[in-house]
Amino acid sequence: MSSTEKKADPPSPEELRADLEELRAEVGETVEELAHRVDVPARVKAKREEVTTRAQEKAVEVTTQAQDKVKEVAALAQQKVTGATAAAQQKVTSAVAVVDDKAPIVGRTVRQQPKAVAGGVGGALVVLLLLLLRRARRRDV
């Protein structure tokens, strides 16, 4: 050693204690981290809780979307029912008007030609009977 070089002063007991405390803290953190890595059941539990929470959030989201869709479809169905009801009422009103117009003519025809009307009704009943018999045979086959 040359005369210009100085020897470093040894650390004081307080500095050694501070260094020791710092080292202990670092070792404690390292041990905690290693313990966490080795503690598989705790990691599995944490992961399960995370996945469960995400699944519950997704379930709430999907349920809300489904409820919104149901409301939307119900409103559309209500509109269609209202439209169909109005159309049916219009057709019934029209049919009633036709019947009201034709009833006097039919009544007069029945009074004037009862045999012809009875024959027409009888013929219609025979055709209906034949159709029913045909359908019954097809079901048996």
Protein backbone atom coordinates (compact mmCIF):
# COMPACT_ATOMS: atom_id res chain seq x y z
CA MET A 1 0.00 0.00 0.00
CA SER A 2 1.15 3.43 -0.72
CA SER A 3 1.24 6.13 1.82
CA THR A 4 -1.39 8.13 -0.05
CA GLU A 5 -3.99 5.38 0.21
CA LYS A 6 -6.06 5.36 3.33
CA LYS A 7 -7.60 2.40 4.97
CA ALA A 8 -11.38 2.52 5.09
CA ASP A 9 -12.76 2.99 8.53
CA PRO A 10 -14.60 -0.04 9.83
CA PRO A 11 -18.37 0.50 10.10
CA SER A 12 -19.75 1.60 13.40
CA PRO A 13 -22.01 -0.68 15.46
CA GLU A 14 -25.02 1.51 14.56
CA GLU A 15 -24.25 1.15 10.82
CA LEU A 16 -23.86 -2.60 11.26
CA ARG A 17 -27.21 -2.78 13.08
CA ALA A 18 -28.92 -0.73 10.35
CA ASP A 19 -27.41 -2.94 7.63
CA LEU A 20 -28.48 -6.01 9.57
CA GLU A 21 -32.07 -4.71 9.92
CA GLU A 22 -32.19 -3.91 6.19
CA LEU A 23 -30.87 -7.37 5.36
CA ARG A 24 -33.42 -8.98 7.68
CA ALA A 25 -36.24 -7.05 5.97
CA GLU A 26 -35.05 -8.12 2.51
CA VAL A 27 -34.70 -11.74 3.62
CA GLY A 28 -38.19 -11.59 5.17
CA GLU A 29 -39.69 -10.31 1.90
CA THR A 30 -37.87 -13.00 -0.06
CA VAL A 31 -39.08 -15.70 2.33
CA GLU A 32 -42.68 -14.43 2.05
CA GLU A 33 -42.45 -14.45 -1.74
CA LEU A 34 -41.01 -17.97 -1.77
CA ALA A 35 -43.67 -19.14 0.69
CA HIS A 36 -46.37 -17.69 -1.56
CA ARG A 37 -44.91 -19.47 -4.60
CA VAL A 38 -44.75 -22.75 -2.73
CA ASP A 39 -48.26 -22.37 -1.22
CA VAL A 40 -50.17 -23.92 -4.14
CA PRO A 41 -53.48 -24.36 -2.28
CA ALA A 42 -53.57 -20.65 -1.49
CA ARG A 43 -52.78 -19.78 -5.12
CA VAL A 44 -55.47 -22.18 -6.32
CA LYS A 45 -57.96 -20.62 -3.91
CA ALA A 46 -57.07 -17.12 -5.08
CA LYS A 47 -57.42 -18.15 -8.73
CA ARG A 48 -60.75 -19.87 -7.98
CA GLU A 49 -62.06 -16.72 -6.32
CA GLU A 50 -60.92 -14.63 -9.30
CA VAL A 51 -62.58 -16.97 -11.80
CA THR A 52 -65.75 -17.18 -9.70
CA THR A 53 -65.98 -13.41 -9.52
CA ARG A 54 -65.52 -13.09 -13.29
CA ALA A 55 -68.14 -15.79 -13.92
CA GLN A 56 -70.64 -14.07 -11.61
CA GLU A 57 -70.05 -10.73 -13.33
CA LYS A 58 -70.52 -12.37 -16.74
CA ALA A 59 -73.70 -14.08 -15.52
CA VAL A 60 -75.12 -10.75 -14.39
CA GLU A 61 -74.18 -9.19 -17.72
CA VAL A 62 -75.76 -12.00 -19.75
CA THR A 63 -78.88 -12.01 -17.57
CA THR A 64 -79.29 -8.28 -18.07
CA GLN A 65 -78.88 -8.67 -21.83
CA ALA A 66 -81.42 -11.49 -21.88
CA GLN A 67 -83.92 -9.46 -19.87
CA ASP A 68 -83.49 -6.52 -22.23
CA LYS A 69 -84.03 -8.81 -25.22
CA VAL A 70 -87.15 -10.32 -23.64
CA LYS A 71 -88.59 -6.83 -23.10
CA GLU A 72 -87.78 -5.92 -26.70
CA VAL A 73 -89.38 -9.07 -28.10
CA ALA A 74 -92.43 -8.69 -25.83
CA ALA A 75 -92.97 -5.13 -27.07
CA LEU A 76 -92.66 -6.29 -30.69
CA ALA A 77 -95.08 -9.17 -30.05
CA GLN A 78 -97.55 -6.79 -28.43
CA GLN A 79 -97.39 -4.54 -31.49
CA LYS A 80 -98.01 -7.50 -33.80
CA VAL A 81 -100.91 -8.76 -31.67
CA THR A 82 -102.45 -5.30 -31.68
CA GLY A 83 -102.10 -5.09 -35.47
CA ALA A 84 -103.49 -8.59 -36.00
CA THR A 85 -106.41 -7.87 -33.68
CA ALA A 86 -107.27 -4.72 -35.57
CA ALA A 87 -107.06 -6.58 -38.90
CA ALA A 88 -109.25 -9.40 -37.57
CA GLN A 89 -111.83 -6.93 -36.27
CA GLN A 90 -111.87 -5.25 -39.67
CA LYS A 91 -112.43 -8.60 -41.44
CA VAL A 92 -115.19 -9.59 -39.01
CA THR A 93 -116.89 -6.25 -39.58
CA SER A 94 -116.60 -6.75 -43.33
CA ALA A 95 -117.97 -10.32 -43.10
CA VAL A 96 -120.89 -9.14 -40.98
CA ALA A 97 -121.67 -6.50 -43.58
CA VAL A 98 -121.60 -9.14 -46.36
CA VAL A 99 -123.84 -11.48 -44.35
CA ASP A 100 -126.22 -8.61 -43.63
CA ASP A 101 -126.34 -7.84 -47.36
CA LYS A 102 -126.79 -11.48 -48.43
CA ALA A 103 -129.11 -12.71 -45.66
CA PRO A 104 -132.30 -11.35 -47.22
CA ILE A 105 -131.40 -12.89 -50.58
CA VAL A 106 -130.59 -16.29 -49.01
CA GLY A 107 -133.77 -16.21 -46.95
CA ARG A 108 -135.86 -15.43 -49.99
CA THR A 109 -134.18 -18.24 -51.97
CA VAL A 110 -134.80 -20.75 -49.17
CA ARG A 111 -138.48 -19.77 -49.02
CA GLN A 112 -138.90 -19.85 -52.79
CA GLN A 113 -136.89 -23.02 -53.54
CA PRO A 114 -136.62 -25.15 -50.40
CA LYS A 115 -136.01 -28.40 -52.30
CA ALA A 116 -133.06 -26.96 -54.22
CA VAL A 117 -131.49 -25.61 -51.02
CA ALA A 118 -132.04 -28.93 -49.22
CA GLY A 119 -130.42 -30.76 -52.14
CA GLY A 120 -127.43 -28.41 -52.07
CA VAL A 121 -126.99 -28.82 -48.32
CA GLY A 122 -127.40 -32.60 -48.66
CA GLY A 123 -124.77 -32.71 -51.42
CA ALA A 124 -122.37 -30.67 -49.29
CA LEU A 125 -122.90 -33.06 -46.38
CA VAL A 126 -122.18 -36.09 -48.63
CA VAL A 127 -118.94 -34.50 -49.84
CA LEU A 128 -117.97 -33.71 -46.25
CA LEU A 129 -118.74 -37.29 -45.18
CA LEU A 130 -116.63 -38.71 -48.02
CA LEU A 131 -113.71 -36.48 -47.08
CA LEU A 132 -113.91 -37.58 -43.45
CA LEU A 133 -113.99 -41.26 -44.44
CA ARG A 134 -111.00 -40.78 -46.71
CA ARG A 135 -109.05 -39.13 -43.90
CA ALA A 136 -109.96 -41.95 -41.51
CA ARG A 137 -108.68 -44.58 -43.97
CA ARG A 138 -105.37 -42.76 -44.37
CA ARG A 139 -104.85 -42.74 -40.61
CA ASP A 140 -105.47 -46.49 -40.41
CA VAL A 141 -102.86 -47.28 -43.05
